[in-house]
ModelCIF file with pLDDT and N, C-alpha, C, O atoms, coordinates in Angstrom:
data_MODEL
#
_entry.id   MODEL 
#
_entity.id                         1 
_entity.type                       polymer 
_entity.pdbx_number_of_molecules   1 
#
_entity_poly.entity_id                      1 
_entity_poly.type                           'polypeptide(L)' 
_entity_poly.nstd_linkage                   no 
_entity_poly.nstd_monomer                   no 
_entity_poly.pdbx_seq_one_letter_code       
;(UNK)(UNK)(UNK)(UNK)(UNK)(UNK)(UNK)(UNK)(UNK)(UNK)(UNK)(UNK)(UNK)(UNK)(UNK)(UNK)
(UNK)(UNK)(UNK)(UNK)(UNK)(UNK)(UNK)(UNK)(UNK)(UNK)(UNK)(UNK)(UNK)(UNK)(UNK)
;
_entity_poly.pdbx_seq_one_letter_code_can   XXXXXXXXXXXXXXXXXXXXXXXXXXXXXXX 
_entity_poly.pdbx_strand_id                 A 
#
loop_
_entity_poly_seq.entity_id 
_entity_poly_seq.num 
_entity_poly_seq.mon_id 
_entity_poly_seq.hetero 
1 1  UNK n 
1 2  UNK n 
1 3  UNK n 
1 4  UNK n 
1 5  UNK n 
1 6  UNK n 
1 7  UNK n 
1 8  UNK n 
1 9  UNK n 
1 10 UNK n 
1 11 UNK n 
1 12 UNK n 
1 13 UNK n 
1 14 UNK n 
1 15 UNK n 
1 16 UNK n 
1 17 UNK n 
1 18 UNK n 
1 19 UNK n 
1 20 UNK n 
1 21 UNK n 
1 22 UNK n 
1 23 UNK n 
1 24 UNK n 
1 25 UNK n 
1 26 UNK n 
1 27 UNK n 
1 28 UNK n 
1 29 UNK n 
1 30 UNK n 
1 31 UNK n 
#
_struct_asym.id          A 
_struct_asym.entity_id   1 
#
loop_
_ma_qa_metric.id 
_ma_qa_metric.mode 
_ma_qa_metric.name 
_ma_qa_metric.software_group_id 
_ma_qa_metric.type 
1 global pLDDT . pLDDT 
2 local  pLDDT . pLDDT 
#
_ma_qa_metric_global.metric_id      1 
_ma_qa_metric_global.metric_value   97.81 
_ma_qa_metric_global.model_id       1 
_ma_qa_metric_global.ordinal_id     1 
#
loop_
_ma_qa_metric_local.label_asym_id 
_ma_qa_metric_local.label_comp_id 
_ma_qa_metric_local.label_seq_id 
_ma_qa_metric_local.metric_id 
_ma_qa_metric_local.metric_value 
_ma_qa_metric_local.model_id 
_ma_qa_metric_local.ordinal_id 
A UNK 1  2 98.00 1 1  
A UNK 2  2 98.00 1 2  
A UNK 3  2 98.00 1 3  
A UNK 4  2 98.00 1 4  
A UNK 5  2 98.00 1 5  
A UNK 6  2 98.00 1 6  
A UNK 7  2 98.00 1 7  
A UNK 8  2 98.00 1 8  
A UNK 9  2 97.00 1 9  
A UNK 10 2 97.00 1 10 
A UNK 11 2 96.00 1 11 
A UNK 12 2 97.00 1 12 
A UNK 13 2 97.00 1 13 
A UNK 14 2 98.00 1 14 
A UNK 15 2 98.00 1 15 
A UNK 16 2 98.00 1 16 
A UNK 17 2 99.00 1 17 
A UNK 18 2 98.00 1 18 
A UNK 19 2 98.00 1 19 
A UNK 20 2 98.00 1 20 
A UNK 21 2 98.00 1 21 
A UNK 22 2 98.00 1 22 
A UNK 23 2 98.00 1 23 
A UNK 24 2 98.00 1 24 
A UNK 25 2 98.00 1 25 
A UNK 26 2 98.00 1 26 
A UNK 27 2 98.00 1 27 
A UNK 28 2 97.00 1 28 
A UNK 29 2 98.00 1 29 
A UNK 30 2 98.00 1 30 
A UNK 31 2 98.00 1 31 
#
loop_
_atom_site.group_PDB 
_atom_site.id 
_atom_site.type_symbol 
_atom_site.label_atom_id 
_atom_site.label_alt_id 
_atom_site.label_comp_id 
_atom_site.label_asym_id 
_atom_site.label_entity_id 
_atom_site.label_seq_id 
_atom_site.pdbx_PDB_ins_code 
_atom_site.Cartn_x 
_atom_site.Cartn_y 
_atom_site.Cartn_z 
_atom_site.occupancy 
_atom_site.B_iso_or_equiv 
_atom_site.pdbx_formal_charge 
_atom_site.auth_seq_id 
_atom_site.auth_comp_id 
_atom_site.auth_asym_id 
_atom_site.auth_atom_id 
_atom_site.pdbx_PDB_model_num 
ATOM 1   N N  . UNK A 1 1  ? 105.523 140.377 80.143  1.00 98.00 ? 1  UNK A N  1 
ATOM 2   C CA . UNK A 1 1  ? 104.455 141.650 80.445  1.00 98.00 ? 1  UNK A CA 1 
ATOM 3   C C  . UNK A 1 1  ? 103.439 140.595 81.235  1.00 98.00 ? 1  UNK A C  1 
ATOM 4   O O  . UNK A 1 1  ? 102.852 139.663 80.685  1.00 98.00 ? 1  UNK A O  1 
ATOM 5   N N  . UNK A 1 2  ? 103.373 140.886 82.411  1.00 98.00 ? 2  UNK A N  1 
ATOM 6   C CA . UNK A 1 2  ? 102.498 140.162 83.131  1.00 98.00 ? 2  UNK A CA 1 
ATOM 7   C C  . UNK A 1 2  ? 101.236 140.496 83.407  1.00 98.00 ? 2  UNK A C  1 
ATOM 8   O O  . UNK A 1 2  ? 100.328 139.844 83.923  1.00 98.00 ? 2  UNK A O  1 
ATOM 9   N N  . UNK A 1 3  ? 101.311 142.137 82.796  1.00 98.00 ? 3  UNK A N  1 
ATOM 10  C CA . UNK A 1 3  ? 99.708  142.938 82.615  1.00 98.00 ? 3  UNK A CA 1 
ATOM 11  C C  . UNK A 1 3  ? 99.219  141.901 81.304  1.00 98.00 ? 3  UNK A C  1 
ATOM 12  O O  . UNK A 1 3  ? 98.238  141.179 81.485  1.00 98.00 ? 3  UNK A O  1 
ATOM 13  N N  . UNK A 1 4  ? 99.839  141.873 80.186  1.00 98.00 ? 4  UNK A N  1 
ATOM 14  C CA . UNK A 1 4  ? 99.647  140.786 79.158  1.00 98.00 ? 4  UNK A CA 1 
ATOM 15  C C  . UNK A 1 4  ? 99.095  139.516 79.608  1.00 98.00 ? 4  UNK A C  1 
ATOM 16  O O  . UNK A 1 4  ? 97.985  139.024 79.406  1.00 98.00 ? 4  UNK A O  1 
ATOM 17  N N  . UNK A 1 5  ? 100.083 139.094 80.251  1.00 98.00 ? 5  UNK A N  1 
ATOM 18  C CA . UNK A 1 5  ? 99.743  137.599 80.832  1.00 98.00 ? 5  UNK A CA 1 
ATOM 19  C C  . UNK A 1 5  ? 98.342  137.932 81.491  1.00 98.00 ? 5  UNK A C  1 
ATOM 20  O O  . UNK A 1 5  ? 97.697  136.886 81.404  1.00 98.00 ? 5  UNK A O  1 
ATOM 21  N N  . UNK A 1 6  ? 97.728  138.702 81.983  1.00 98.00 ? 6  UNK A N  1 
ATOM 22  C CA . UNK A 1 6  ? 96.991  138.552 82.962  1.00 98.00 ? 6  UNK A CA 1 
ATOM 23  C C  . UNK A 1 6  ? 95.642  138.842 82.119  1.00 98.00 ? 6  UNK A C  1 
ATOM 24  O O  . UNK A 1 6  ? 94.711  138.044 82.230  1.00 98.00 ? 6  UNK A O  1 
ATOM 25  N N  . UNK A 1 7  ? 95.512  140.082 81.196  1.00 98.00 ? 7  UNK A N  1 
ATOM 26  C CA . UNK A 1 7  ? 94.683  140.100 80.056  1.00 98.00 ? 7  UNK A CA 1 
ATOM 27  C C  . UNK A 1 7  ? 94.315  139.535 79.146  1.00 98.00 ? 7  UNK A C  1 
ATOM 28  O O  . UNK A 1 7  ? 93.106  139.506 78.916  1.00 98.00 ? 7  UNK A O  1 
ATOM 29  N N  . UNK A 1 8  ? 95.331  138.814 78.210  1.00 98.00 ? 8  UNK A N  1 
ATOM 30  C CA . UNK A 1 8  ? 95.308  137.870 77.140  1.00 98.00 ? 8  UNK A CA 1 
ATOM 31  C C  . UNK A 1 8  ? 95.443  136.659 77.299  1.00 98.00 ? 8  UNK A C  1 
ATOM 32  O O  . UNK A 1 8  ? 94.984  135.848 76.493  1.00 98.00 ? 8  UNK A O  1 
ATOM 33  N N  . UNK A 1 9  ? 96.280  136.229 78.668  1.00 97.00 ? 9  UNK A N  1 
ATOM 34  C CA . UNK A 1 9  ? 96.208  134.304 78.823  1.00 97.00 ? 9  UNK A CA 1 
ATOM 35  C C  . UNK A 1 9  ? 95.464  133.834 79.636  1.00 97.00 ? 9  UNK A C  1 
ATOM 36  O O  . UNK A 1 9  ? 94.984  134.454 80.586  1.00 97.00 ? 9  UNK A O  1 
ATOM 37  N N  . UNK A 1 10 ? 95.299  132.821 79.398  1.00 97.00 ? 10 UNK A N  1 
ATOM 38  C CA . UNK A 1 10 ? 94.152  132.079 80.211  1.00 97.00 ? 10 UNK A CA 1 
ATOM 39  C C  . UNK A 1 10 ? 93.711  132.792 82.066  1.00 97.00 ? 10 UNK A C  1 
ATOM 40  O O  . UNK A 1 10 ? 94.442  133.592 82.648  1.00 97.00 ? 10 UNK A O  1 
ATOM 41  N N  . UNK A 1 11 ? 92.859  132.431 82.444  1.00 96.00 ? 11 UNK A N  1 
ATOM 42  C CA . UNK A 1 11 ? 92.179  133.136 83.619  1.00 96.00 ? 11 UNK A CA 1 
ATOM 43  C C  . UNK A 1 11 ? 93.499  132.706 85.115  1.00 96.00 ? 11 UNK A C  1 
ATOM 44  O O  . UNK A 1 11 ? 93.511  131.546 85.527  1.00 96.00 ? 11 UNK A O  1 
ATOM 45  N N  . UNK A 1 12 ? 93.879  133.117 85.362  1.00 97.00 ? 12 UNK A N  1 
ATOM 46  C CA . UNK A 1 12 ? 95.251  132.606 86.335  1.00 97.00 ? 12 UNK A CA 1 
ATOM 47  C C  . UNK A 1 12 ? 94.389  132.638 87.738  1.00 97.00 ? 12 UNK A C  1 
ATOM 48  O O  . UNK A 1 12 ? 93.347  133.230 88.020  1.00 97.00 ? 12 UNK A O  1 
ATOM 49  N N  . UNK A 1 13 ? 95.317  131.686 88.577  1.00 97.00 ? 13 UNK A N  1 
ATOM 50  C CA . UNK A 1 13 ? 94.590  131.763 90.186  1.00 97.00 ? 13 UNK A CA 1 
ATOM 51  C C  . UNK A 1 13 ? 95.031  132.552 90.589  1.00 97.00 ? 13 UNK A C  1 
ATOM 52  O O  . UNK A 1 13 ? 95.909  133.181 89.998  1.00 97.00 ? 13 UNK A O  1 
ATOM 53  N N  . UNK A 1 14 ? 94.514  132.904 92.006  1.00 98.00 ? 14 UNK A N  1 
ATOM 54  C CA . UNK A 1 14 ? 94.700  133.671 92.837  1.00 98.00 ? 14 UNK A CA 1 
ATOM 55  C C  . UNK A 1 14 ? 95.633  133.160 93.971  1.00 98.00 ? 14 UNK A C  1 
ATOM 56  O O  . UNK A 1 14 ? 95.155  132.220 94.606  1.00 98.00 ? 14 UNK A O  1 
ATOM 57  N N  . UNK A 1 15 ? 96.823  133.572 94.344  1.00 98.00 ? 15 UNK A N  1 
ATOM 58  C CA . UNK A 1 15 ? 97.358  133.168 95.517  1.00 98.00 ? 15 UNK A CA 1 
ATOM 59  C C  . UNK A 1 15 ? 96.609  134.214 96.789  1.00 98.00 ? 15 UNK A C  1 
ATOM 60  O O  . UNK A 1 15 ? 96.741  133.915 97.976  1.00 98.00 ? 15 UNK A O  1 
ATOM 61  N N  . UNK A 1 16 ? 95.763  135.551 96.312  1.00 98.00 ? 16 UNK A N  1 
ATOM 62  C CA . UNK A 1 16 ? 95.125  135.950 97.240  1.00 98.00 ? 16 UNK A CA 1 
ATOM 63  C C  . UNK A 1 16 ? 94.232  136.789 96.789  1.00 98.00 ? 16 UNK A C  1 
ATOM 64  O O  . UNK A 1 16 ? 94.292  137.141 95.610  1.00 98.00 ? 16 UNK A O  1 
ATOM 65  N N  . UNK A 1 17 ? 93.086  137.340 97.767  1.00 99.00 ? 17 UNK A N  1 
ATOM 66  C CA . UNK A 1 17 ? 92.461  137.964 97.096  1.00 99.00 ? 17 UNK A CA 1 
ATOM 67  C C  . UNK A 1 17 ? 91.935  138.936 98.513  1.00 99.00 ? 17 UNK A C  1 
ATOM 68  O O  . UNK A 1 17 ? 91.278  138.385 99.397  1.00 99.00 ? 17 UNK A O  1 
ATOM 69  N N  . UNK A 1 18 ? 92.142  139.763 98.564  1.00 98.00 ? 18 UNK A N  1 
ATOM 70  C CA . UNK A 1 18 ? 92.069  140.757 100.102 1.00 98.00 ? 18 UNK A CA 1 
ATOM 71  C C  . UNK A 1 18 ? 91.086  141.708 99.855  1.00 98.00 ? 18 UNK A C  1 
ATOM 72  O O  . UNK A 1 18 ? 91.330  142.458 98.910  1.00 98.00 ? 18 UNK A O  1 
ATOM 73  N N  . UNK A 1 19 ? 89.930  141.897 100.514 1.00 98.00 ? 19 UNK A N  1 
ATOM 74  C CA . UNK A 1 19 ? 89.470  143.318 100.911 1.00 98.00 ? 19 UNK A CA 1 
ATOM 75  C C  . UNK A 1 19 ? 89.251  143.776 102.132 1.00 98.00 ? 19 UNK A C  1 
ATOM 76  O O  . UNK A 1 19 ? 88.720  143.183 103.071 1.00 98.00 ? 19 UNK A O  1 
ATOM 77  N N  . UNK A 1 20 ? 89.681  144.860 102.091 1.00 98.00 ? 20 UNK A N  1 
ATOM 78  C CA . UNK A 1 20 ? 90.160  145.641 103.194 1.00 98.00 ? 20 UNK A CA 1 
ATOM 79  C C  . UNK A 1 20 ? 91.288  144.714 104.116 1.00 98.00 ? 20 UNK A C  1 
ATOM 80  O O  . UNK A 1 20 ? 91.350  144.622 105.342 1.00 98.00 ? 20 UNK A O  1 
ATOM 81  N N  . UNK A 1 21 ? 91.981  144.192 103.281 1.00 98.00 ? 21 UNK A N  1 
ATOM 82  C CA . UNK A 1 21 ? 93.081  143.533 103.816 1.00 98.00 ? 21 UNK A CA 1 
ATOM 83  C C  . UNK A 1 21 ? 92.695  141.960 104.492 1.00 98.00 ? 21 UNK A C  1 
ATOM 84  O O  . UNK A 1 21 ? 93.596  141.258 104.952 1.00 98.00 ? 21 UNK A O  1 
ATOM 85  N N  . UNK A 1 22 ? 91.533  141.600 104.489 1.00 98.00 ? 22 UNK A N  1 
ATOM 86  C CA . UNK A 1 22 ? 90.951  139.861 105.204 1.00 98.00 ? 22 UNK A CA 1 
ATOM 87  C C  . UNK A 1 22 ? 90.986  139.590 103.893 1.00 98.00 ? 22 UNK A C  1 
ATOM 88  O O  . UNK A 1 22 ? 90.763  140.297 102.911 1.00 98.00 ? 22 UNK A O  1 
ATOM 89  N N  . UNK A 1 23 ? 91.395  138.123 104.051 1.00 98.00 ? 23 UNK A N  1 
ATOM 90  C CA . UNK A 1 23 ? 91.422  137.186 102.865 1.00 98.00 ? 23 UNK A CA 1 
ATOM 91  C C  . UNK A 1 23 ? 90.096  136.502 102.337 1.00 98.00 ? 23 UNK A C  1 
ATOM 92  O O  . UNK A 1 23 ? 89.447  135.910 103.200 1.00 98.00 ? 23 UNK A O  1 
ATOM 93  N N  . UNK A 1 24 ? 89.714  136.499 101.351 1.00 98.00 ? 24 UNK A N  1 
ATOM 94  C CA . UNK A 1 24 ? 88.846  136.286 100.960 1.00 98.00 ? 24 UNK A CA 1 
ATOM 95  C C  . UNK A 1 24 ? 89.067  134.762 100.276 1.00 98.00 ? 24 UNK A C  1 
ATOM 96  O O  . UNK A 1 24 ? 88.466  133.708 100.482 1.00 98.00 ? 24 UNK A O  1 
ATOM 97  N N  . UNK A 1 25 ? 89.835  134.989 99.657  1.00 98.00 ? 25 UNK A N  1 
ATOM 98  C CA . UNK A 1 25 ? 90.562  133.828 98.715  1.00 98.00 ? 25 UNK A CA 1 
ATOM 99  C C  . UNK A 1 25 ? 92.026  133.642 98.764  1.00 98.00 ? 25 UNK A C  1 
ATOM 100 O O  . UNK A 1 25 ? 92.811  134.589 98.709  1.00 98.00 ? 25 UNK A O  1 
ATOM 101 N N  . UNK A 1 26 ? 92.444  132.183 98.887  1.00 98.00 ? 26 UNK A N  1 
ATOM 102 C CA . UNK A 1 26 ? 94.023  131.937 99.107  1.00 98.00 ? 26 UNK A CA 1 
ATOM 103 C C  . UNK A 1 26 ? 93.956  130.382 98.281  1.00 98.00 ? 26 UNK A C  1 
ATOM 104 O O  . UNK A 1 26 ? 93.267  129.369 98.408  1.00 98.00 ? 26 UNK A O  1 
ATOM 105 N N  . UNK A 1 27 ? 94.954  130.769 97.474  1.00 98.00 ? 27 UNK A N  1 
ATOM 106 C CA . UNK A 1 27 ? 95.388  129.875 96.648  1.00 98.00 ? 27 UNK A CA 1 
ATOM 107 C C  . UNK A 1 27 ? 94.361  129.298 95.900  1.00 98.00 ? 27 UNK A C  1 
ATOM 108 O O  . UNK A 1 27 ? 94.187  128.080 95.871  1.00 98.00 ? 27 UNK A O  1 
ATOM 109 N N  . UNK A 1 28 ? 93.702  130.063 95.322  1.00 97.00 ? 28 UNK A N  1 
ATOM 110 C CA . UNK A 1 28 ? 92.400  129.615 94.578  1.00 97.00 ? 28 UNK A CA 1 
ATOM 111 C C  . UNK A 1 28 ? 91.132  129.112 94.910  1.00 97.00 ? 28 UNK A C  1 
ATOM 112 O O  . UNK A 1 28 ? 90.214  128.913 94.114  1.00 97.00 ? 28 UNK A O  1 
ATOM 113 N N  . UNK A 1 29 ? 91.121  128.890 96.279  1.00 98.00 ? 29 UNK A N  1 
ATOM 114 C CA . UNK A 1 29 ? 89.872  128.718 97.190  1.00 98.00 ? 29 UNK A CA 1 
ATOM 115 C C  . UNK A 1 29 ? 89.202  129.606 97.934  1.00 98.00 ? 29 UNK A C  1 
ATOM 116 O O  . UNK A 1 29 ? 89.714  129.958 98.996  1.00 98.00 ? 29 UNK A O  1 
ATOM 117 N N  . UNK A 1 30 ? 87.934  130.145 97.536  1.00 98.00 ? 30 UNK A N  1 
ATOM 118 C CA . UNK A 1 30 ? 87.044  130.848 98.698  1.00 98.00 ? 30 UNK A CA 1 
ATOM 119 C C  . UNK A 1 30 ? 87.411  130.316 99.818  1.00 98.00 ? 30 UNK A C  1 
ATOM 120 O O  . UNK A 1 30 ? 87.324  129.090 99.894  1.00 98.00 ? 30 UNK A O  1 
ATOM 121 N N  . UNK A 1 31 ? 87.913  131.070 100.976 1.00 98.00 ? 31 UNK A N  1 
ATOM 122 C CA . UNK A 1 31 ? 87.768  130.890 102.520 1.00 98.00 ? 31 UNK A CA 1 
ATOM 123 C C  . UNK A 1 31 ? 86.811  131.720 103.654 1.00 98.00 ? 31 UNK A C  1 
ATOM 124 O O  . UNK A 1 31 ? 86.853  131.408 104.844 1.00 98.00 ? 31 UNK A O  1 
#
């Protein structure tokens, strides 16, 4: 269950974090 993995498991790395479609984090690194 991916939601259980996110909530109960270790903190995962972000492949992407997007704000209004703009990349703020990629591959775990702030851009």
